[in-house]
C-alpha atoms as a PDB file:
ATOM      1  CA  UNK A   1     101.152 128.876  73.954  1.00  0.00           C
ATOM      2  CA  UNK A   2     102.079 125.237  75.183  1.00  0.00           C
ATOM      3  CA  UNK A   3     102.524 124.438  78.682  1.00  0.00           C
ATOM      4  CA  UNK A   4     105.609 123.127  79.706  1.00  0.00           C
ATOM      5  CA  UNK A   5     105.924 121.788  83.218  1.00  0.00           C
ATOM      6  CA  UNK A   6     109.024 123.001  84.714  1.00  0.00           C
ATOM      7  CA  UNK A   7     108.227 120.729  88.362  1.00  0.00           C
ATOM      8  CA  UNK A   8     108.303 117.380  87.682  1.00  0.00           C
ATOM      9  CA  UNK A   9     109.538 114.235  89.274  1.00  0.00           C
ATOM     10  CA  UNK A  10     110.999 110.768  88.292  1.00  0.00           C
ATOM     11  CA  UNK A  11     108.232 108.853  89.674  1.00  0.00           C
ATOM     12  CA  UNK A  12     105.285 110.372  87.654  1.00  0.00           C
ATOM     13  CA  UNK A  13     107.238 108.720  84.723  1.00  0.00           C
ATOM     14  CA  UNK A  14     107.009 105.212  83.584  1.00  0.00           C
ATOM     15  CA  UNK A  15     110.640 103.404  83.423  1.00  0.00           C
ATOM     16  CA  UNK A  16     110.703 101.819  80.128  1.00  0.00           C
ATOM     17  CA  UNK A  17     112.683  99.541  77.436  1.00  0.00           C
ATOM     18  CA  UNK A  18     112.675 100.911  74.316  1.00  0.00           C
ATOM     19  CA  UNK A  19     113.463  98.408  71.358  1.00  0.00           C
ATOM     20  CA  UNK A  20     114.282 100.348  68.243  1.00  0.00           C
ATOM     21  CA  UNK A  21     115.808 100.095  64.272  1.00  0.00           C
ATOM     22  CA  UNK A  22     118.485 103.335  63.749  1.00  0.00           C
ATOM     23  CA  UNK A  23     120.404 103.763  60.061  1.00  0.00           C
ATOM     24  CA  UNK A  24     123.651 103.782  60.221  1.00  0.00           C
ATOM     25  CA  UNK A  25     127.186 103.702  57.665  1.00  0.00           C
ATOM     26  CA  UNK A  26     126.949  99.821  57.570  1.00  0.00           C
ATOM     27  CA  UNK A  27     130.038  99.545  54.638  1.00  0.00           C
ATOM     28  CA  UNK A  28     132.043 102.609  54.768  1.00  0.00           C
ATOM     29  CA  UNK A  29     133.228 103.646  51.815  1.00  0.00           C
ATOM     30  CA  UNK A  30     134.876 101.923  48.966  1.00  0.00           C
ATOM     31  CA  UNK A  31     133.290  99.313  46.176  1.00  0.00           C
ATOM     32  CA  UNK A  32     131.130  96.863  47.359  1.00  0.00           C
ATOM     33  CA  UNK A  33     129.753  93.397  45.419  1.00  0.00           C
ATOM     34  CA  UNK A  34     125.870  93.652  45.050  1.00  0.00           C
ATOM     35  CA  UNK A  35     126.114  90.485  47.626  1.00  0.00           C
ATOM     36  CA  UNK A  36     127.924  91.773  50.754  1.00  0.00           C
ATOM     37  CA  UNK A  37     125.742  94.949  50.109  1.00  0.00           C
ATOM     38  CA  UNK A  38     122.772  92.273  50.483  1.00  0.00           C
ATOM     39  CA  UNK A  39     124.316  90.900  53.400  1.00  0.00           C
ATOM     40  CA  UNK A  40     125.527  93.932  55.049  1.00  0.00           C
ATOM     41  CA  UNK A  41     123.148  96.552  54.710  1.00  0.00           C
ATOM     42  CA  UNK A  42     121.364  95.989  57.107  1.00  0.00           C
ATOM     43  CA  UNK A  43     119.557  98.310  60.311  1.00  0.00           C
ATOM     44  CA  UNK A  44     121.244  98.983  63.657  1.00  0.00           C
ATOM     45  CA  UNK A  45     119.288  97.367  66.361  1.00  0.00           C
ATOM     46  CA  UNK A  46     119.254  99.210  69.552  1.00  0.00           C
ATOM     47  CA  UNK A  47     117.730  99.136  73.135  1.00  0.00           C
ATOM     48  CA  UNK A  48     117.367 102.116  75.091  1.00  0.00           C
ATOM     49  CA  UNK A  49     116.210 102.212  78.914  1.00  0.00           C
ATOM     50  CA  UNK A  50     114.958 105.380  80.780  1.00  0.00           C
ATOM     51  CA  UNK A  51     112.155 107.727  81.577  1.00  0.00           C
ATOM     52  CA  UNK A  52     109.590 108.176  79.346  1.00  0.00           C
ATOM     53  CA  UNK A  53     109.228 111.977  79.352  1.00  0.00           C
ATOM     54  CA  UNK A  54     107.059 112.216  76.242  1.00  0.00           C
ATOM     55  CA  UNK A  55     105.627 110.664  73.662  1.00  0.00           C
ATOM     56  CA  UNK A  56     102.986 111.153  70.516  1.00  0.00           C
ATOM     57  CA  UNK A  57     102.401 109.477  67.277  1.00  0.00           C
ATOM     58  CA  UNK A  58     106.079 111.284  65.601  1.00  0.00           C
ATOM     59  CA  UNK A  59     108.717 110.429  68.926  1.00  0.00           C
ATOM     60  CA  UNK A  60     109.185 109.272  72.174  1.00  0.00           C
ATOM     61  CA  UNK A  61     111.652 111.460  74.286  1.00  0.00           C
ATOM     62  CA  UNK A  62     113.575 109.224  77.078  1.00  0.00           C
ATOM     63  CA  UNK A  63     115.813 110.592  79.672  1.00  0.00           C
ATOM     64  CA  UNK A  64     118.699 108.088  81.338  1.00  0.00           C
ATOM     65  CA  UNK A  65     119.855 110.211  84.570  1.00  0.00           C
ATOM     66  CA  UNK A  66     118.004 112.744  86.673  1.00  0.00           C
ATOM     67  CA  UNK A  67     119.922 115.482  89.188  1.00  0.00           C
ATOM     68  CA  UNK A  68     116.999 117.023  91.493  1.00  0.00           C
ATOM     69  CA  UNK A  69     115.872 119.521  88.697  1.00  0.00           C
ATOM     70  CA  UNK A  70     117.789 118.721  85.807  1.00  0.00           C
ATOM     71  CA  UNK A  71     118.045 115.502  83.699  1.00  0.00           C
ATOM     72  CA  UNK A  72     120.932 114.445  81.691  1.00  0.00           C
ATOM     73  CA  UNK A  73     121.291 111.584  78.873  1.00  0.00           C
ATOM     74  CA  UNK A  74     117.691 112.205  76.928  1.00  0.00           C
ATOM     75  CA  UNK A  75     117.455 110.105  73.816  1.00  0.00           C
ATOM     76  CA  UNK A  76     114.841 111.542  70.830  1.00  0.00           C
ATOM     77  CA  UNK A  77     113.102 108.634  68.617  1.00  0.00           C
ATOM     78  CA  UNK A  78     111.475 108.423  65.820  1.00  0.00           C
ATOM     79  CA  UNK A  79     107.825 106.459  67.083  1.00  0.00           C
ATOM     80  CA  UNK A  80     108.256 104.627  63.426  1.00  0.00           C
ATOM     81  CA  UNK A  81     111.306 103.692  64.214  1.00  0.00           C
ATOM     82  CA  UNK A  82     110.099 101.256  67.653  1.00  0.00           C
ATOM     83  CA  UNK A  83     109.852  97.504  67.490  1.00  0.00           C
ATOM     84  CA  UNK A  84     108.771  97.152  71.548  1.00  0.00           C
ATOM     85  CA  UNK A  85     108.759  99.079  74.476  1.00  0.00           C
ATOM     86  CA  UNK A  86     107.938  97.073  77.699  1.00  0.00           C
ATOM     87  CA  UNK A  87     107.240  99.083  80.572  1.00  0.00           C
ATOM     88  CA  UNK A  88     109.579  98.297  83.782  1.00  0.00           C
ATOM     89  CA  UNK A  89     108.623 100.639  85.908  1.00  0.00           C
ATOM     90  CA  UNK A  90     104.928 102.243  86.241  1.00  0.00           C
ATOM     91  CA  UNK A  91     104.883 105.927  86.608  1.00  0.00           C
ATOM     92  CA  UNK A  92     102.826 107.239  89.614  1.00  0.00           C
ATOM     93  CA  UNK A  93     101.124 110.223  87.634  1.00  0.00           C
ATOM     94  CA  UNK A  94     101.175 110.150  84.022  1.00  0.00           C
ATOM     95  CA  UNK A  95     100.997 113.786  82.319  1.00  0.00           C
ATOM     96  CA  UNK A  96     101.215 115.019  79.015  1.00  0.00           C
ATOM     97  CA  UNK A  97     104.441 116.483  79.661  1.00  0.00           C
ATOM     98  CA  UNK A  98     104.645 118.279  76.363  1.00  0.00           C
ATOM     99  CA  UNK A  99     101.144 119.658  76.268  1.00  0.00           C
ATOM    100  CA  UNK A 100      98.998 120.152  74.206  1.00  0.00           C
END
């Protein structure tokens, strides 16, 4: 069974900025010529900032808001979609928050 801590503070987590790509409906519905499809069918470029709660080879979990023992605006990003990661503030202690 995995150990999932319930007492964690944001001071223990790195505050990071992740630049990543996402899928989206680039053209909407309808008919498009090949040139338009090629030029407009791009990935969305995203930037997320938050406390890095957990990351592994599959996913990165960020929490944007903290209120005592509650977290809000949780973003889960597939690790393979990450372009860059900048650490804005290093956490005081780095633990594996999801267990192993």
